[in-house]
Protein backbone atom coordinates (compact mmCIF):
# COMPACT_ATOMS: atom_id res chain seq x y z
CA MET A 1 235.92 132.13 136.55
CA ILE A 2 237.70 132.11 133.13
CA ILE A 3 240.65 134.28 132.87
CA LYS A 4 241.65 135.24 129.35
CA ILE A 5 245.81 135.86 128.91
CA LYS A 6 247.48 136.40 125.98
CA VAL A 7 251.30 137.27 126.19
CA ILE A 8 253.56 137.76 122.83
CA LEU A 9 256.16 135.07 123.74
CA GLU A 10 259.57 136.94 123.33
CA LYS A 11 262.47 135.53 125.82
CA LYS A 12 261.38 138.88 128.02
CA TYR A 13 257.12 137.60 128.49
CA LEU A 14 258.64 133.71 128.93
CA ASN A 15 260.03 134.09 132.56
CA LEU A 16 256.40 136.19 133.38
CA LEU A 17 254.51 132.93 131.49
CA LEU A 18 256.49 130.81 133.53
CA ASN A 19 255.89 132.57 137.41
CA ILE A 20 252.11 132.97 136.44
CA MET A 21 251.94 129.05 135.09
CA THR A 22 253.91 127.63 138.38
CA ILE A 23 252.02 129.93 140.77
CA LEU A 24 248.52 129.47 139.69
CA PHE A 25 248.78 125.41 138.12
CA SER A 26 250.41 124.86 141.57
CA ARG A 27 247.03 125.91 143.42
CA GLN A 28 245.00 122.71 143.26
CA ASN A 29 241.71 125.07 143.31
CA LEU A 30 242.82 126.88 140.67
CA LYS A 31 243.62 124.03 137.84
CA LYS A 32 239.41 123.99 137.67
CA LEU A 33 238.84 127.55 137.39
CA LEU A 34 241.05 128.63 135.45
CA ILE A 35 241.56 128.27 131.46
CA PHE A 36 244.44 130.63 130.11
CA TYR A 37 244.81 132.46 126.96
CA PHE A 38 247.91 135.00 127.00
CA LEU A 39 247.62 139.10 127.60
CA ASP A 40 249.94 141.55 126.85
CA ASN A 41 249.21 144.08 128.97
CA THR A 42 252.11 146.27 127.12
CA PHE A 43 250.21 147.02 124.09
CA CYS A 44 246.62 147.09 125.93
CA THR A 45 244.46 150.48 125.97
CA GLN A 46 242.36 151.69 128.35
CA THR A 47 238.87 150.89 125.72
CA THR A 48 240.04 147.43 125.74
CA ILE A 49 240.82 146.58 129.27
CA ASP A 50 237.21 148.34 130.16
CA LYS A 51 235.58 145.00 128.09
CA PHE A 52 236.24 142.69 131.16
CA ARG A 53 233.93 142.05 132.86
CA SER A 54 235.75 140.01 135.47
CA ASP A 55 237.80 140.52 137.93
CA PHE A 56 240.70 140.61 135.40
CA TRP A 57 239.26 143.78 134.69
CA ILE A 58 240.90 145.34 138.38
CA LEU A 59 244.37 143.14 137.54
CA ALA A 60 244.39 144.86 133.85
CA ASP A 61 243.58 148.27 135.27
CA TYR A 62 246.30 148.01 137.73
CA LEU A 63 248.80 147.06 135.61
CA TYR A 64 247.47 149.57 132.92
CA GLN A 65 247.57 153.04 135.58
CA MET A 66 250.80 151.66 136.44
CA ARG A 67 252.49 151.81 133.26
CA VAL A 68 251.05 154.56 132.13
CA SER A 69 251.16 156.88 134.91
CA ASN A 70 253.24 155.01 137.87
CA ASP A 71 250.52 155.69 139.99
CA TYR A 72 247.10 153.68 140.56
CA VAL A 73 244.13 155.36 141.20
CA ALA A 74 241.81 152.04 142.85
CA CYS A 75 237.81 151.80 141.91
CA GLU A 76 235.35 150.40 144.64
CA THR A 77 234.15 147.62 142.30
CA VAL A 78 234.27 144.14 144.80
CA ILE A 79 236.50 141.80 144.32
CA LYS A 80 234.43 138.38 143.51
CA HIS A 81 237.40 136.31 143.47
CA VAL A 82 239.90 137.15 146.27
CA ASP A 83 242.17 134.59 146.71
CA GLU A 84 242.57 133.95 142.85
CA LEU A 85 242.88 137.80 142.02
CA LEU A 86 245.40 138.23 144.74
CA MET A 87 247.56 135.21 143.87
CA LEU A 88 247.64 136.34 139.90
CA MET A 89 248.78 140.05 141.04
CA SER A 90 251.70 138.44 142.54
CA ALA A 91 252.59 136.28 139.58
CA MET A 92 252.22 139.40 137.05
CA THR A 93 253.64 141.84 139.73
CA LYS A 94 256.22 139.64 141.27
CA ASP A 95 255.21 141.29 144.60
CA ASP A 96 255.21 138.97 147.14
CA ARG A 97 252.42 141.02 149.34
CA PHE A 98 249.56 140.55 147.40
CA GLU A 99 249.26 137.18 148.27
CA GLU A 100 250.69 137.52 151.89
CA THR A 101 247.17 139.63 152.79
CA ILE A 102 245.09 136.54 151.05
CA ASN A 103 244.50 135.58 154.40
CA GLU A 104 244.02 138.78 155.85
CA LEU A 105 241.39 139.73 153.34
CA SER A 106 239.53 136.07 152.37
CA ARG A 107 237.83 135.89 155.32
CA LYS A 108 235.70 139.82 154.48
CA GLU A 109 232.45 139.89 152.92
CA SER A 110 233.42 142.35 150.44
CA VAL A 111 236.85 143.10 149.15
CA THR A 112 237.70 145.97 147.66
CA MET A 113 240.62 146.83 145.55
CA CYS A 114 241.18 150.15 147.73
CA GLU A 115 241.49 147.53 151.34
CA VAL A 116 243.79 145.40 149.36
CA LEU A 117 246.30 148.17 148.73
CA ASP A 118 246.38 149.15 152.30
CA LYS A 119 246.72 146.04 153.72
CA VAL A 120 250.28 145.43 150.74
CA GLU A 121 251.37 149.39 151.75
CA ALA A 122 250.82 148.63 155.64
CA ARG A 123 252.65 145.99 155.64
CA GLY A 124 255.61 147.44 153.52
CA ARG A 125 255.74 150.22 155.98
CA LYS A 126 256.08 147.19 158.70
CA GLU A 127 258.92 145.76 156.86
CA GLY A 128 260.16 148.91 156.49
CA VAL A 129 260.54 150.06 160.26
CA ILE A 130 261.97 146.21 161.20
CA SER A 131 264.31 147.18 158.48
CA VAL A 132 265.46 150.21 160.34
CA LEU A 133 265.41 148.60 164.17
CA ILE A 134 267.71 145.94 162.81
CA SER A 135 269.84 148.48 161.88
CA LEU A 136 269.67 150.14 165.39
CA VAL A 137 270.37 146.77 167.18
CA LYS A 138 273.38 145.78 164.99
CA ASP A 139 274.77 149.10 165.52
CA GLY A 140 274.20 148.93 169.08
CA ILE A 141 272.08 152.00 168.99
CA LEU A 142 268.97 149.92 170.65
CA SER A 143 268.85 146.85 172.56
CA VAL A 144 266.64 143.74 171.21
CA SER A 145 264.04 143.93 173.74
CA GLU A 146 263.53 147.82 173.14
CA ALA A 147 263.31 147.42 169.52
CA ALA A 148 261.17 144.29 169.82
CA LYS A 149 258.83 146.68 172.25
CA ARG A 150 258.58 149.14 169.00
CA ALA A 151 257.82 146.79 166.74
CA ASP A 152 254.97 145.79 168.51
CA MET A 153 256.34 142.25 168.76
CA SER A 154 257.96 139.38 170.90
CA GLU A 155 261.61 139.42 171.55
CA GLU A 156 261.48 135.94 170.19
CA ASN A 157 260.24 137.00 167.05
CA PHE A 158 262.46 140.06 166.77
CA LYS A 159 265.44 137.68 166.81
CA GLN A 160 264.07 135.77 164.53
CA TYR A 161 264.13 138.76 162.21
CA LEU A 162 267.53 139.38 162.95
CA LYS A 163 269.22 136.05 162.10
CA SER A 164 267.50 136.69 158.53
């Protein structure tokens, strides 16, 4: 798989570039798979994005839609390289939830962006619920055992959340 990325090396893009390189080149399997060029998605048009024929199209389309409308309508295109795409999305969006869903999705035979976003959204909702439960416990409104039950986890696991 070859991903071509073109980034204008201004100060604001340098950190993004370093994040991408750190994540991608720290993964042994990606060193052999990826050749890097740099992408400045700021000025990509939908016409340019539609020229991509790899999984990178999904990422470029996601970034474009989020930039233009601050909303994403996922397509039903099957992702061929799930792990690699999610790691790249995590780096480009600075959202670790993409990378955190790899274990759940990499075992599936065919994964679409709809499924990825459903998992990411569900993870975010669960984190929100846990955050509220932690606040209720800290305020003395809810017991640890009741909060753990509502979070669908053991008391020991919930106590770990309280410590962090």
